[in-house]
Amino acid sequence: MASQNPPLTDGPGEADGPRPADAGRPDAPALVDFTIDLTAQEVLRQAQVLSALGSDWDPMEALRGEEAAYALLYSGLDDEQQRVYDDLVASGVLPRRGDGSAAA
């Protein structure tokens, strides 16, 4: 199927030839370096997160709780589940956690 429009030799809008160097808006402002420093916003966000967590938040206790939850998640597996778990650990998809038989 033939194209309806012939290709432009110099790109879009330049079918009549190259544009003169002084083409464009003569009153257009020069480009300005536009940067935003988000440091203050990030400090505010961190302060709000810590405030929401409260003064009694213990990150080590939270980590121990997560580890206990993972141990419970992978405990009490039947033979097929244990085989799949072992395959995932062997392939590096899951980290080895304990002996895979944590008490529920």
C-alpha atoms as a PDB file:
ATOM      1  CA  MET A   1       0.000   0.000   0.000  1.00  0.00           C
ATOM      2  CA  ALA A   2       1.459   3.331  -1.047  1.00  0.00           C
ATOM      3  CA  SER A   3       1.954   6.132   1.433  1.00  0.00           C
ATOM      4  CA  GLN A   4      -0.491   9.029   1.154  1.00  0.00           C
ATOM      5  CA  ASN A   5       2.184  11.593   1.981  1.00  0.00           C
ATOM      6  CA  PRO A   6       5.673  11.645   0.527  1.00  0.00           C
ATOM      7  CA  PRO A   7       8.496  11.483   3.124  1.00  0.00           C
ATOM      8  CA  LEU A   8       9.885  14.803   4.292  1.00  0.00           C
ATOM      9  CA  THR A   9      13.507  15.262   3.381  1.00  0.00           C
ATOM     10  CA  ASP A  10      14.556  17.325   6.402  1.00  0.00           C
ATOM     11  CA  GLY A  11      12.151  16.031   9.042  1.00  0.00           C
ATOM     12  CA  PRO A  12       8.737  17.223  10.225  1.00  0.00           C
ATOM     13  CA  GLY A  13       7.947  20.855   9.505  1.00  0.00           C
ATOM     14  CA  GLU A  14      10.999  21.290   7.317  1.00  0.00           C
ATOM     15  CA  ALA A  15       9.663  20.219   3.930  1.00  0.00           C
ATOM     16  CA  ASP A  16      10.677  23.530   2.417  1.00  0.00           C
ATOM     17  CA  GLY A  17      14.305  23.120   3.475  1.00  0.00           C
ATOM     18  CA  PRO A  18      16.329  23.773   6.607  1.00  0.00           C
ATOM     19  CA  ARG A  19      15.177  26.485   8.995  1.00  0.00           C
ATOM     20  CA  PRO A  20      17.205  29.660   9.259  1.00  0.00           C
ATOM     21  CA  ALA A  21      19.323  30.023  12.408  1.00  0.00           C
ATOM     22  CA  ASP A  22      17.264  32.999  13.587  1.00  0.00           C
ATOM     23  CA  ALA A  23      13.915  31.153  13.228  1.00  0.00           C
ATOM     24  CA  GLY A  24      11.671  30.820  16.281  1.00  0.00           C
ATOM     25  CA  ARG A  25      10.336  33.275  18.806  1.00  0.00           C
ATOM     26  CA  PRO A  26      12.766  36.153  19.191  1.00  0.00           C
ATOM     27  CA  ASP A  27      11.252  37.040  22.571  1.00  0.00           C
ATOM     28  CA  ALA A  28      11.570  33.501  24.000  1.00  0.00           C
ATOM     29  CA  PRO A  29      13.465  33.467  27.310  1.00  0.00           C
ATOM     30  CA  ALA A  30      16.647  31.475  27.635  1.00  0.00           C
ATOM     31  CA  LEU A  31      16.454  28.109  29.350  1.00  0.00           C
ATOM     32  CA  VAL A  32      16.823  28.304  33.104  1.00  0.00           C
ATOM     33  CA  ASP A  33      18.309  25.647  35.373  1.00  0.00           C
ATOM     34  CA  PHE A  34      15.339  24.357  37.386  1.00  0.00           C
ATOM     35  CA  THR A  35      16.166  22.314  40.478  1.00  0.00           C
ATOM     36  CA  ILE A  36      14.199  21.494  43.597  1.00  0.00           C
ATOM     37  CA  ASP A  37      15.858  20.598  46.869  1.00  0.00           C
ATOM     38  CA  LEU A  38      13.647  18.003  48.577  1.00  0.00           C
ATOM     39  CA  THR A  39      15.866  17.703  51.661  1.00  0.00           C
ATOM     40  CA  ALA A  40      13.481  19.634  53.896  1.00  0.00           C
ATOM     41  CA  GLN A  41      10.509  17.608  52.646  1.00  0.00           C
ATOM     42  CA  GLU A  42      12.344  14.346  53.304  1.00  0.00           C
ATOM     43  CA  VAL A  43      13.275  15.450  56.843  1.00  0.00           C
ATOM     44  CA  LEU A  44       9.625  16.336  57.479  1.00  0.00           C
ATOM     45  CA  ARG A  45       8.462  12.962  56.117  1.00  0.00           C
ATOM     46  CA  GLN A  46      10.908  11.073  58.352  1.00  0.00           C
ATOM     47  CA  ALA A  47       9.818  13.086  61.395  1.00  0.00           C
ATOM     48  CA  GLN A  48       6.167  12.301  60.655  1.00  0.00           C
ATOM     49  CA  VAL A  49       6.898   8.570  60.275  1.00  0.00           C
ATOM     50  CA  LEU A  50       8.798   8.456  63.559  1.00  0.00           C
ATOM     51  CA  SER A  51       6.033  10.424  65.259  1.00  0.00           C
ATOM     52  CA  ALA A  52       3.429   7.970  63.963  1.00  0.00           C
ATOM     53  CA  LEU A  53       5.470   5.014  65.207  1.00  0.00           C
ATOM     54  CA  GLY A  54       5.557   6.482  68.696  1.00  0.00           C
ATOM     55  CA  SER A  55       8.324   6.738  71.251  1.00  0.00           C
ATOM     56  CA  ASP A  56       7.941   3.120  72.395  1.00  0.00           C
ATOM     57  CA  TRP A  57       8.652   1.580  68.965  1.00  0.00           C
ATOM     58  CA  ASP A  58      11.521  -0.897  69.178  1.00  0.00           C
ATOM     59  CA  PRO A  59      12.939  -1.757  65.739  1.00  0.00           C
ATOM     60  CA  MET A  60      14.794  -4.813  67.082  1.00  0.00           C
ATOM     61  CA  GLU A  61      11.584  -6.168  68.609  1.00  0.00           C
ATOM     62  CA  ALA A  62       9.799  -5.594  65.295  1.00  0.00           C
ATOM     63  CA  LEU A  63      12.551  -7.525  63.492  1.00  0.00           C
ATOM     64  CA  ARG A  64      12.348 -10.381  66.002  1.00  0.00           C
ATOM     65  CA  GLY A  65       8.576 -10.464  65.467  1.00  0.00           C
ATOM     66  CA  GLU A  66       9.046 -10.684  61.693  1.00  0.00           C
ATOM     67  CA  GLU A  67      11.554 -13.520  62.070  1.00  0.00           C
ATOM     68  CA  ALA A  68       9.154 -15.385  64.375  1.00  0.00           C
ATOM     69  CA  ALA A  69       6.350 -14.913  61.835  1.00  0.00           C
ATOM     70  CA  TYR A  70       8.537 -16.339  59.041  1.00  0.00           C
ATOM     71  CA  ALA A  71       9.530 -19.275  61.230  1.00  0.00           C
ATOM     72  CA  LEU A  72       5.864 -19.983  61.907  1.00  0.00           C
ATOM     73  CA  LEU A  73       4.977 -19.581  58.231  1.00  0.00           C
ATOM     74  CA  TYR A  74       7.422 -22.283  57.172  1.00  0.00           C
ATOM     75  CA  SER A  75       6.744 -24.658  60.087  1.00  0.00           C
ATOM     76  CA  GLY A  76       4.550 -27.714  60.038  1.00  0.00           C
ATOM     77  CA  LEU A  77       4.911 -28.266  56.294  1.00  0.00           C
ATOM     78  CA  ASP A  78       3.674 -31.531  54.831  1.00  0.00           C
ATOM     79  CA  ASP A  79       6.039 -33.589  52.668  1.00  0.00           C
ATOM     80  CA  GLU A  80       5.107 -31.893  49.371  1.00  0.00           C
ATOM     81  CA  GLN A  81       5.283 -28.389  50.870  1.00  0.00           C
ATOM     82  CA  GLN A  82       8.646 -29.203  52.446  1.00  0.00           C
ATOM     83  CA  ARG A  83       9.942 -30.441  49.094  1.00  0.00           C
ATOM     84  CA  VAL A  84       8.841 -27.224  47.365  1.00  0.00           C
ATOM     85  CA  TYR A  85      10.348 -25.147  50.202  1.00  0.00           C
ATOM     86  CA  ASP A  86      13.656 -27.027  49.932  1.00  0.00           C
ATOM     87  CA  ASP A  87      13.671 -26.529  46.146  1.00  0.00           C
ATOM     88  CA  LEU A  88      13.072 -22.778  46.555  1.00  0.00           C
ATOM     89  CA  VAL A  89      15.852 -22.522  49.146  1.00  0.00           C
ATOM     90  CA  ALA A  90      18.242 -24.550  46.961  1.00  0.00           C
ATOM     91  CA  SER A  91      17.550 -22.279  43.967  1.00  0.00           C
ATOM     92  CA  GLY A  92      18.101 -19.133  46.057  1.00  0.00           C
ATOM     93  CA  VAL A  93      14.522 -17.875  45.887  1.00  0.00           C
ATOM     94  CA  LEU A  94      14.017 -18.180  49.655  1.00  0.00           C
ATOM     95  CA  PRO A  95      16.620 -17.910  52.403  1.00  0.00           C
ATOM     96  CA  ARG A  96      17.056 -20.896  54.720  1.00  0.00           C
ATOM     97  CA  ARG A  97      15.279 -20.119  57.972  1.00  0.00           C
ATOM     98  CA  GLY A  98      16.105 -22.383  60.878  1.00  0.00           C
ATOM     99  CA  ASP A  99      15.484 -26.072  60.255  1.00  0.00           C
ATOM    100  CA  GLY A 100      12.053 -25.578  58.649  1.00  0.00           C
ATOM    101  CA  SER A 101      10.304 -27.160  61.617  1.00  0.00           C
ATOM    102  CA  ALA A 102       9.688 -24.279  64.038  1.00  0.00           C
ATOM    103  CA  ALA A 103       7.115 -24.983  66.730  1.00  0.00           C
ATOM    104  CA  ALA A 104       3.677 -23.541  66.033  1.00  0.00           C
END
